[in-house]
């Protein structure tokens, strides 16, 4: 999960989904940020994403967004910190004597985040030339299940998460977290639950 950002615009992109913040790189960056929120380690990223450790660092990672931008972060424990989007080929901000203060991720995304089916198709299937028929055969599930997932008509169950992990990679927890984050974002955006009474002590 993401714990902090070094770039206010990157933080705003993750929270609001405002595509104007990074122009043509915004949609691809959003997909990677949604994945970063759910990974259990940098190894969860598929090879097609090309996540690489920054030379000379044990904890800093970089992955290309597109030809114009890169996403960089530091991995500590079980979370990504100091997340920022930079122009391709640029120096890492904060490498000098006075790095910017990290901005904590202290609010939920105010948008519907990426469906795991889209992530599956765009980052795990298409780059490897894996068809729905081939994946369903490997996972030993009906092809209709795969088609429904990649067309965002069906969620990823615990059973499917386990099978995906074995057949295309990433941990089962990554796939389960992608599904959970998606469902929670739909509830936040489509239902008003603010009027529900609290049963917590002192909050009645």
Protein backbone atom coordinates (compact mmCIF):
# COMPACT_ATOMS: atom_id res chain seq x y z
CA UNK A 1 0.00 0.00 0.00
CA UNK A 2 1.00 3.65 -0.39
CA UNK A 3 1.98 5.49 2.78
CA UNK A 4 3.30 8.81 1.44
CA UNK A 5 4.03 10.94 -1.61
CA UNK A 6 6.88 13.34 -2.39
CA UNK A 7 4.94 15.08 -5.16
CA UNK A 8 1.66 16.92 -4.43
CA UNK A 9 0.50 16.48 -8.05
CA UNK A 10 1.05 12.71 -7.85
CA UNK A 11 -0.94 12.59 -4.62
CA UNK A 12 -3.75 14.64 -6.17
CA UNK A 13 -3.82 12.36 -9.22
CA UNK A 14 -4.21 9.29 -7.02
CA UNK A 15 -6.97 10.85 -4.92
CA UNK A 16 -8.98 12.66 -7.61
CA UNK A 17 -8.09 10.93 -10.86
CA UNK A 18 -7.76 14.36 -12.54
CA UNK A 19 -6.29 13.46 -15.93
CA UNK A 20 -5.21 17.06 -16.56
CA UNK A 21 -2.47 16.77 -13.92
CA UNK A 22 -0.08 14.74 -16.06
CA UNK A 23 -1.63 15.07 -19.51
CA UNK A 24 -1.31 11.99 -21.70
CA UNK A 25 0.54 10.09 -18.98
CA UNK A 26 -2.27 10.36 -16.42
CA UNK A 27 -4.33 7.27 -17.23
CA UNK A 28 -1.33 4.94 -17.41
CA UNK A 29 0.02 6.48 -14.20
CA UNK A 30 -3.30 5.94 -12.43
CA UNK A 31 -3.30 2.25 -13.30
CA UNK A 32 0.22 1.87 -11.87
CA UNK A 33 -0.70 3.84 -8.73
CA UNK A 34 -3.72 1.60 -8.17
CA UNK A 35 -1.48 -1.44 -8.50
CA UNK A 36 1.09 0.11 -6.15
CA UNK A 37 -1.65 0.56 -3.55
CA UNK A 38 -2.28 -3.21 -3.60
CA UNK A 39 1.12 -4.89 -3.99
CA UNK A 40 2.60 -6.94 -1.16
CA UNK A 41 6.13 -6.42 -2.55
CA UNK A 42 7.65 -4.91 -5.72
CA UNK A 43 7.82 -8.48 -7.04
CA UNK A 44 4.05 -8.37 -7.54
CA UNK A 45 4.53 -6.14 -10.58
CA UNK A 46 4.56 -8.24 -13.78
CA UNK A 47 7.68 -8.22 -15.95
CA UNK A 48 5.84 -6.14 -18.54
CA UNK A 49 5.71 -3.23 -16.09
CA UNK A 50 9.53 -3.28 -15.87
CA UNK A 51 9.81 -2.34 -12.21
CA UNK A 52 13.51 -1.94 -11.46
CA UNK A 53 15.56 -1.11 -8.38
CA UNK A 54 17.26 2.28 -8.72
CA UNK A 55 21.02 1.87 -9.13
CA UNK A 56 22.89 2.42 -5.88
CA UNK A 57 19.81 2.06 -3.69
CA UNK A 58 18.47 -0.91 -1.74
CA UNK A 59 14.92 0.40 -1.36
CA UNK A 60 14.19 2.79 -4.26
CA UNK A 61 12.35 1.54 -7.34
CA UNK A 62 11.46 2.99 -10.73
CA UNK A 63 8.98 1.90 -13.37
CA UNK A 64 8.13 3.55 -16.68
CA UNK A 65 4.67 5.07 -17.06
CA UNK A 66 5.15 5.75 -20.77
CA UNK A 67 7.81 7.41 -22.91
CA UNK A 68 7.31 10.71 -21.10
CA UNK A 69 7.16 9.77 -17.41
CA UNK A 70 8.38 7.37 -14.74
CA UNK A 71 6.94 6.40 -11.36
CA UNK A 72 9.41 6.19 -8.48
CA UNK A 73 8.95 5.04 -4.91
CA UNK A 74 10.77 3.61 -1.90
CA UNK A 75 9.70 0.26 -0.44
CA UNK A 76 9.83 -0.08 3.33
CA UNK A 77 8.31 -2.97 5.25
CA UNK A 78 4.98 -3.50 3.53
CA UNK A 79 4.35 -0.08 1.99
CA UNK A 80 5.45 2.29 -0.75
CA UNK A 81 6.71 5.68 0.44
CA UNK A 82 7.90 8.87 -1.25
CA UNK A 83 5.85 8.12 -4.37
CA UNK A 84 6.22 10.57 -7.25
CA UNK A 85 5.82 10.81 -11.01
CA UNK A 86 8.76 12.37 -12.84
CA UNK A 87 9.66 13.18 -16.44
CA UNK A 88 11.61 10.33 -18.02
CA UNK A 89 15.33 10.75 -17.51
CA UNK A 90 15.03 13.36 -14.78
CA UNK A 91 16.90 13.33 -11.50
CA UNK A 92 15.15 12.14 -8.37
CA UNK A 93 13.83 15.13 -6.38
CA UNK A 94 15.01 15.31 -2.84
CA UNK A 95 18.39 13.74 -3.55
CA UNK A 96 20.08 16.88 -2.32
CA UNK A 97 20.50 18.32 1.15
CA UNK A 98 16.92 19.51 1.55
CA UNK A 99 14.47 16.92 0.23
CA UNK A 100 10.76 17.82 0.34
CA UNK A 101 8.74 16.54 3.27
CA UNK A 102 6.68 13.42 2.50
CA UNK A 103 2.94 13.96 2.14
CA UNK A 104 1.00 11.22 3.95
CA UNK A 105 -1.87 9.46 2.20
CA UNK A 106 -4.46 10.40 4.81
CA UNK A 107 -7.62 10.17 2.71
CA UNK A 108 -9.34 7.65 0.47
CA UNK A 109 -9.34 8.01 -3.30
CA UNK A 110 -12.35 10.07 -4.45
CA UNK A 111 -12.84 8.06 -7.63
CA UNK A 112 -13.60 4.52 -8.72
CA UNK A 113 -10.21 2.81 -8.88
CA UNK A 114 -9.03 0.29 -11.46
CA UNK A 115 -10.97 -2.95 -11.77
CA UNK A 116 -8.69 -6.00 -11.34
CA UNK A 117 -9.95 -7.33 -14.67
CA UNK A 118 -8.51 -4.34 -16.51
CA UNK A 119 -5.19 -4.74 -14.73
CA UNK A 120 -5.20 -8.45 -15.56
CA UNK A 121 -5.83 -7.83 -19.23
CA UNK A 122 -3.57 -4.80 -19.76
CA UNK A 123 -0.55 -5.83 -17.68
CA UNK A 124 -0.60 -9.63 -17.42
CA UNK A 125 -2.36 -11.00 -20.51
CA UNK A 126 -1.82 -8.69 -23.49
CA UNK A 127 1.97 -8.18 -22.99
CA UNK A 128 2.46 -11.98 -22.83
CA UNK A 129 0.05 -12.84 -25.62
CA UNK A 130 -2.19 -14.83 -23.26
CA UNK A 131 -5.74 -15.31 -24.52
CA UNK A 132 -8.79 -15.81 -22.34
CA UNK A 133 -9.04 -19.41 -23.59
CA UNK A 134 -5.42 -20.14 -22.70
CA UNK A 135 -5.73 -18.58 -19.26
CA UNK A 136 -8.98 -20.38 -18.46
CA UNK A 137 -7.41 -23.70 -19.46
CA UNK A 138 -4.37 -23.05 -17.24
CA UNK A 139 -6.56 -21.98 -14.30
CA UNK A 140 -9.00 -24.86 -14.92
CA UNK A 141 -12.02 -22.55 -14.86
CA UNK A 142 -14.69 -21.79 -17.50
CA UNK A 143 -13.59 -19.24 -20.09
CA UNK A 144 -16.74 -17.28 -19.25
CA UNK A 145 -15.22 -16.50 -15.83
CA UNK A 146 -12.15 -14.93 -17.43
CA UNK A 147 -14.20 -13.00 -19.99
CA UNK A 148 -16.53 -11.67 -17.30
CA UNK A 149 -13.56 -10.53 -15.18
CA UNK A 150 -11.67 -8.73 -17.96
CA UNK A 151 -14.91 -7.10 -19.11
CA UNK A 152 -15.53 -5.93 -15.52
CA UNK A 153 -18.76 -7.89 -15.14
CA UNK A 154 -17.40 -10.10 -12.37
CA UNK A 155 -15.07 -9.71 -9.42
CA UNK A 156 -12.01 -11.70 -8.39
CA UNK A 157 -12.91 -14.21 -5.68
CA UNK A 158 -10.40 -15.76 -3.26
CA UNK A 159 -10.41 -18.88 -5.43
CA UNK A 160 -9.73 -16.87 -8.58
CA UNK A 161 -7.03 -14.81 -6.83
CA UNK A 162 -5.21 -17.99 -5.85
CA UNK A 163 -5.43 -19.41 -9.36
CA UNK A 164 -4.31 -16.14 -10.98
CA UNK A 165 -1.30 -15.99 -8.68
CA UNK A 166 -0.18 -19.46 -9.73
CA UNK A 167 -0.83 -18.95 -13.46
CA UNK A 168 0.15 -15.34 -14.23
CA UNK A 169 1.96 -14.14 -11.11
CA UNK A 170 1.57 -11.58 -8.30
CA UNK A 171 0.46 -12.75 -4.87
CA UNK A 172 -3.09 -13.88 -4.08
CA UNK A 173 -3.25 -10.94 -1.65
CA UNK A 174 -2.50 -8.54 -4.52
CA UNK A 175 -5.47 -9.79 -6.55
CA UNK A 176 -7.73 -9.83 -3.48
CA UNK A 177 -6.63 -6.30 -2.57
CA UNK A 178 -7.31 -5.04 -6.11
CA UNK A 179 -10.86 -6.41 -5.84
CA UNK A 180 -11.39 -4.99 -2.34
CA UNK A 181 -10.10 -1.53 -3.28
CA UNK A 182 -12.36 -1.50 -6.33
CA UNK A 183 -15.48 -2.52 -4.41
CA UNK A 184 -14.84 -0.02 -1.60
CA UNK A 185 -14.31 2.80 -4.11
CA UNK A 186 -17.63 1.97 -5.81
CA UNK A 187 -19.40 2.16 -2.44
CA UNK A 188 -17.71 5.48 -1.59
CA UNK A 189 -18.68 7.04 -4.91
CA UNK A 190 -22.17 5.61 -5.39
CA UNK A 191 -23.69 5.38 -1.90
CA UNK A 192 -24.19 7.98 0.79
CA UNK A 193 -23.52 6.26 4.10
CA UNK A 194 -22.81 9.39 6.13
CA UNK A 195 -26.23 9.25 7.80
CA UNK A 196 -25.66 5.83 9.34
CA UNK A 197 -25.55 6.07 13.14
CA UNK A 198 -22.31 5.21 14.92
CA UNK A 199 -22.45 2.64 17.72
CA UNK A 200 -18.92 3.45 18.88
CA UNK A 201 -18.57 4.84 22.44
CA UNK A 202 -18.69 8.63 22.48
CA UNK A 203 -19.81 8.92 18.86
CA UNK A 204 -23.54 8.34 19.20
